[in-house]
Amino acid sequence: MAVKKCIEESCCKKKTLRTEEEKKNLINRLKRLEGQIRAIEKMIDEDSYCNDILQQSMAAGSALDGFNQTLLEYHLKGCVIEKIKNDDSEIIDELLKTVRKLMK
């Protein structure tokens, strides 16, 4: 895995340079999720059975969880490690705050 650079452009804007493979993986996951959401919309429009819609909705939720897990992995292996190596311990507080939100 290539080393990513976390860029601080200003006091409030941060960016992460991702590899093309990482971008492709994340975008593909989002496109699959988008397809699942569109399928749910179609099911509602076609008056599909509630339980069937719920099943599809849970699958979309799992797909979003998978996206979040992948992005968190990239963040840990890139930005977090880089900042720890540069003695930036604030990244730990930021990470803990994010993990708490993900676990709600």
Foldseek 3Di string as FASTA:
>chain_A
DDAWDWADPDPPDIDIDDDPVLVVVLVVLVVVLVVLVVVLVVCVVVVHDPVVSVVSVVVSVVSVVVSVVSVVVCCCVHVVVVCVVVVNPVVVVVNVVVVVVVVD
